[in-house]
């Protein structure tokens, strides 16, 4: 009699879900009003966002990229951007 074959789960371990924030939470982190963040979302120029169904959410990594993207050394540099 042979031993039964044991199947192993070869699936990848689940990836952690990135930290996400609501519009009000993201605005608080950025130091702006939630209305400003909504305006940026509608006009462009703000941080990237995602939709989860009807909900708008911001990934921590996208907020960090946005903050780093608007880093300037001088006022002239900022005006040229």
N, C-alpha and C. Protein backbone atom coordinates (compact mmCIF):
# COMPACT_ATOMS: atom_id res chain seq x y z
N UNK A 1 0.84 -1.17 0.00
CA UNK A 1 0.00 0.00 0.00
C UNK A 1 0.89 1.24 0.00
N UNK A 2 0.58 2.21 -0.86
CA UNK A 2 1.39 3.41 -0.96
C UNK A 2 0.80 4.52 -0.10
N UNK A 3 1.65 5.43 0.32
CA UNK A 3 1.20 6.56 1.13
C UNK A 3 0.38 7.52 0.27
N UNK A 4 -0.66 8.14 0.85
CA UNK A 4 -1.47 9.08 0.07
C UNK A 4 -0.64 10.32 -0.33
N UNK A 5 -0.95 10.83 -1.47
CA UNK A 5 -0.27 12.03 -1.94
C UNK A 5 -0.82 13.23 -1.18
N UNK A 6 0.08 14.05 -0.65
CA UNK A 6 -0.34 15.24 0.05
C UNK A 6 -0.17 16.44 -0.86
N UNK A 7 -1.23 17.16 -1.02
CA UNK A 7 -1.18 18.36 -1.84
C UNK A 7 -0.77 19.54 -0.96
N UNK A 8 0.11 20.34 -1.47
CA UNK A 8 0.52 21.54 -0.73
C UNK A 8 0.00 22.76 -1.46
N UNK A 9 -0.29 23.77 -0.72
CA UNK A 9 -0.78 25.01 -1.30
C UNK A 9 0.41 25.81 -1.81
N UNK A 10 0.55 25.89 -3.12
CA UNK A 10 1.66 26.58 -3.74
C UNK A 10 1.35 28.06 -4.00
N UNK A 11 0.19 28.51 -3.56
CA UNK A 11 -0.19 29.90 -3.80
C UNK A 11 0.76 30.84 -3.07
N UNK A 12 0.92 32.01 -3.67
CA UNK A 12 1.76 33.02 -3.05
C UNK A 12 1.10 33.51 -1.76
N UNK A 13 1.91 33.88 -0.78
CA UNK A 13 1.31 34.44 0.43
C UNK A 13 0.62 35.76 0.08
N UNK A 14 -0.46 36.08 0.76
CA UNK A 14 -1.18 37.31 0.43
C UNK A 14 -0.30 38.54 0.65
N UNK A 15 -0.39 39.48 -0.28
CA UNK A 15 0.35 40.72 -0.13
C UNK A 15 -0.41 41.62 0.84
N UNK A 16 0.33 42.37 1.64
CA UNK A 16 -0.37 43.26 2.58
C UNK A 16 -1.10 44.37 1.82
N UNK A 17 -2.23 44.76 2.32
CA UNK A 17 -2.99 45.86 1.72
C UNK A 17 -2.29 47.16 2.11
N UNK A 18 -2.04 48.03 1.13
CA UNK A 18 -1.36 49.29 1.47
C UNK A 18 -2.26 50.16 2.34
N UNK A 19 -1.64 51.00 3.15
CA UNK A 19 -2.40 51.93 3.98
C UNK A 19 -3.16 52.88 3.07
N UNK A 20 -4.45 53.03 3.29
CA UNK A 20 -5.25 53.96 2.49
C UNK A 20 -5.97 54.93 3.41
N UNK A 21 -6.24 56.11 2.86
CA UNK A 21 -6.86 57.18 3.65
C UNK A 21 -8.07 57.74 2.91
N UNK A 22 -9.06 58.18 3.69
CA UNK A 22 -10.19 58.90 3.12
C UNK A 22 -9.73 60.29 2.71
N UNK A 23 -10.59 61.02 2.02
CA UNK A 23 -10.25 62.38 1.61
C UNK A 23 -9.94 63.25 2.81
N UNK A 24 -10.76 63.17 3.85
CA UNK A 24 -10.52 64.00 5.04
C UNK A 24 -9.24 63.61 5.75
N UNK A 25 -8.95 62.32 5.83
CA UNK A 25 -7.71 61.87 6.48
C UNK A 25 -6.49 62.31 5.67
N UNK A 26 -6.57 62.16 4.34
CA UNK A 26 -5.44 62.55 3.49
C UNK A 26 -5.22 64.06 3.57
N UNK A 27 -6.31 64.82 3.57
CA UNK A 27 -6.19 66.28 3.66
C UNK A 27 -5.53 66.68 4.97
N UNK A 28 -5.91 66.02 6.05
CA UNK A 28 -5.31 66.32 7.36
C UNK A 28 -3.81 66.02 7.33
N UNK A 29 -3.42 64.91 6.72
CA UNK A 29 -2.00 64.56 6.61
C UNK A 29 -1.22 65.59 5.79
N UNK A 30 -1.85 66.13 4.74
CA UNK A 30 -1.19 67.10 3.88
C UNK A 30 -1.27 68.52 4.42
N UNK A 31 -2.13 68.73 5.42
CA UNK A 31 -2.27 70.07 5.99
C UNK A 31 -3.11 71.00 5.15
N UNK A 32 -4.06 70.44 4.39
CA UNK A 32 -4.97 71.23 3.58
C UNK A 32 -6.40 70.84 3.93
N UNK A 33 -7.36 71.64 3.47
CA UNK A 33 -8.75 71.27 3.72
C UNK A 33 -9.18 70.15 2.78
N UNK A 34 -10.21 69.42 3.18
CA UNK A 34 -10.69 68.35 2.30
C UNK A 34 -11.27 68.94 1.02
N UNK A 35 -11.77 70.18 1.06
CA UNK A 35 -12.28 70.85 -0.14
C UNK A 35 -11.14 71.13 -1.13
N UNK A 36 -9.98 71.51 -0.61
CA UNK A 36 -8.82 71.73 -1.47
C UNK A 36 -8.42 70.44 -2.16
N UNK A 37 -8.40 69.35 -1.40
CA UNK A 37 -8.04 68.05 -1.98
C UNK A 37 -9.07 67.63 -3.03
N UNK A 38 -10.35 67.87 -2.77
CA UNK A 38 -11.39 67.57 -3.76
C UNK A 38 -11.20 68.42 -5.02
N UNK A 39 -10.85 69.69 -4.84
CA UNK A 39 -10.62 70.57 -5.98
C UNK A 39 -9.43 70.07 -6.80
N UNK A 40 -8.35 69.71 -6.13
CA UNK A 40 -7.19 69.16 -6.85
C UNK A 40 -7.58 67.92 -7.63
N UNK A 41 -8.43 67.08 -7.01
CA UNK A 41 -8.84 65.84 -7.68
C UNK A 41 -9.63 66.15 -8.94
N UNK A 42 -10.46 67.18 -8.90
CA UNK A 42 -11.28 67.54 -10.06
C UNK A 42 -10.50 68.28 -11.14
N UNK A 43 -9.58 69.14 -10.74
CA UNK A 43 -8.83 69.96 -11.69
C UNK A 43 -7.51 69.33 -12.11
N UNK A 44 -7.02 68.39 -11.32
CA UNK A 44 -5.71 67.80 -11.58
C UNK A 44 -4.64 68.49 -10.76
N UNK A 45 -3.50 67.86 -10.66
CA UNK A 45 -2.39 68.44 -9.94
C UNK A 45 -2.21 67.93 -8.53
N UNK A 46 -3.18 67.24 -8.01
CA UNK A 46 -3.08 66.70 -6.65
C UNK A 46 -2.53 65.29 -6.66
N UNK A 47 -2.56 64.63 -5.51
CA UNK A 47 -2.07 63.26 -5.44
C UNK A 47 -2.99 62.30 -6.19
N UNK A 48 -2.42 61.20 -6.65
CA UNK A 48 -3.21 60.16 -7.32
C UNK A 48 -4.18 59.56 -6.29
N UNK A 49 -5.29 59.05 -6.78
CA UNK A 49 -6.30 58.47 -5.89
C UNK A 49 -6.89 57.23 -6.54
N UNK A 50 -7.64 56.48 -5.75
CA UNK A 50 -8.30 55.28 -6.25
C UNK A 50 -9.78 55.34 -5.88
N UNK A 51 -10.58 54.62 -6.65
CA UNK A 51 -11.99 54.44 -6.31
C UNK A 51 -12.18 53.01 -5.82
N UNK A 52 -12.81 52.88 -4.69
CA UNK A 52 -13.24 51.58 -4.19
C UNK A 52 -14.76 51.63 -4.19
N UNK A 53 -15.34 51.20 -5.30
CA UNK A 53 -16.77 51.40 -5.47
C UNK A 53 -17.01 52.89 -5.62
N UNK A 54 -17.84 53.46 -4.76
CA UNK A 54 -18.11 54.90 -4.79
C UNK A 54 -17.13 55.69 -3.94
N UNK A 55 -16.32 55.00 -3.15
CA UNK A 55 -15.42 55.67 -2.22
C UNK A 55 -14.14 56.11 -2.90
N UNK A 56 -13.68 57.31 -2.57
CA UNK A 56 -12.39 57.81 -3.03
C UNK A 56 -11.40 57.60 -1.90
N UNK A 57 -10.27 57.01 -2.23
CA UNK A 57 -9.24 56.75 -1.22
C UNK A 57 -7.87 57.12 -1.79
N UNK A 58 -6.96 57.40 -0.88
CA UNK A 58 -5.59 57.77 -1.24
C UNK A 58 -4.63 56.77 -0.60
N UNK A 59 -3.74 56.22 -1.40
CA UNK A 59 -2.70 55.32 -0.87
C UNK A 59 -1.61 56.17 -0.21
N UNK A 60 -1.04 55.64 0.86
CA UNK A 60 0.04 56.33 1.56
C UNK A 60 1.20 56.60 0.60
N UNK A 61 1.53 55.65 -0.25
CA UNK A 61 2.64 55.81 -1.19
C UNK A 61 2.37 56.94 -2.18
N UNK A 62 1.10 57.10 -2.62
CA UNK A 62 0.76 58.18 -3.54
C UNK A 62 0.85 59.54 -2.87
N UNK A 63 0.45 59.62 -1.60
CA UNK A 63 0.58 60.87 -0.86
C UNK A 63 2.04 61.24 -0.68
N UNK A 64 2.86 60.24 -0.39
CA UNK A 64 4.29 60.49 -0.22
C UNK A 64 4.93 60.96 -1.52
N UNK A 65 4.56 60.32 -2.65
CA UNK A 65 5.08 60.75 -3.95
C UNK A 65 4.67 62.19 -4.26
N UNK A 66 3.42 62.53 -3.93
CA UNK A 66 2.93 63.88 -4.18
C UNK A 66 3.73 64.90 -3.37
N UNK A 67 3.96 64.62 -2.12
CA UNK A 67 4.72 65.54 -1.27
C UNK A 67 6.14 65.70 -1.80
N UNK A 68 6.75 64.62 -2.22
CA UNK A 68 8.12 64.68 -2.74
C UNK A 68 8.18 65.37 -4.11
N UNK A 69 7.11 65.28 -4.87
CA UNK A 69 7.07 65.87 -6.20
C UNK A 69 7.01 67.40 -6.15
N UNK A 70 6.46 67.95 -5.09
CA UNK A 70 6.29 69.40 -5.00
C UNK A 70 7.38 70.02 -4.11
N UNK A 71 8.54 69.43 -4.12
CA UNK A 71 9.66 69.90 -3.32
C UNK A 71 10.53 70.83 -4.17
N UNK A 72 10.70 72.07 -3.74
CA UNK A 72 11.49 73.06 -4.48
C UNK A 72 12.55 73.67 -3.59
N UNK A 73 13.61 74.16 -4.21
CA UNK A 73 14.68 74.80 -3.48
C UNK A 73 14.54 76.30 -3.39
N UNK A 74 13.88 76.90 -4.41
CA UNK A 74 13.71 78.34 -4.43
C UNK A 74 12.32 78.68 -4.95
N UNK A 75 11.87 79.92 -4.72
CA UNK A 75 10.59 80.36 -5.24
C UNK A 75 10.60 80.36 -6.76
N UNK A 76 11.72 80.78 -7.35
CA UNK A 76 11.84 80.79 -8.81
C UNK A 76 11.68 79.40 -9.40
N UNK A 77 12.25 78.42 -8.73
CA UNK A 77 12.13 77.03 -9.17
C UNK A 77 10.68 76.58 -9.14
N UNK A 78 9.96 76.97 -8.10
CA UNK A 78 8.55 76.61 -7.97
C UNK A 78 7.71 77.29 -9.05
N UNK A 79 8.01 78.54 -9.35
CA UNK A 79 7.24 79.27 -10.35
C UNK A 79 7.50 78.73 -11.75
N UNK A 80 8.69 78.20 -11.98
CA UNK A 80 9.02 77.65 -13.29
C UNK A 80 8.34 76.30 -13.53
N UNK A 81 7.92 75.64 -12.47
CA UNK A 81 7.32 74.30 -12.59
C UNK A 81 5.91 74.35 -13.11
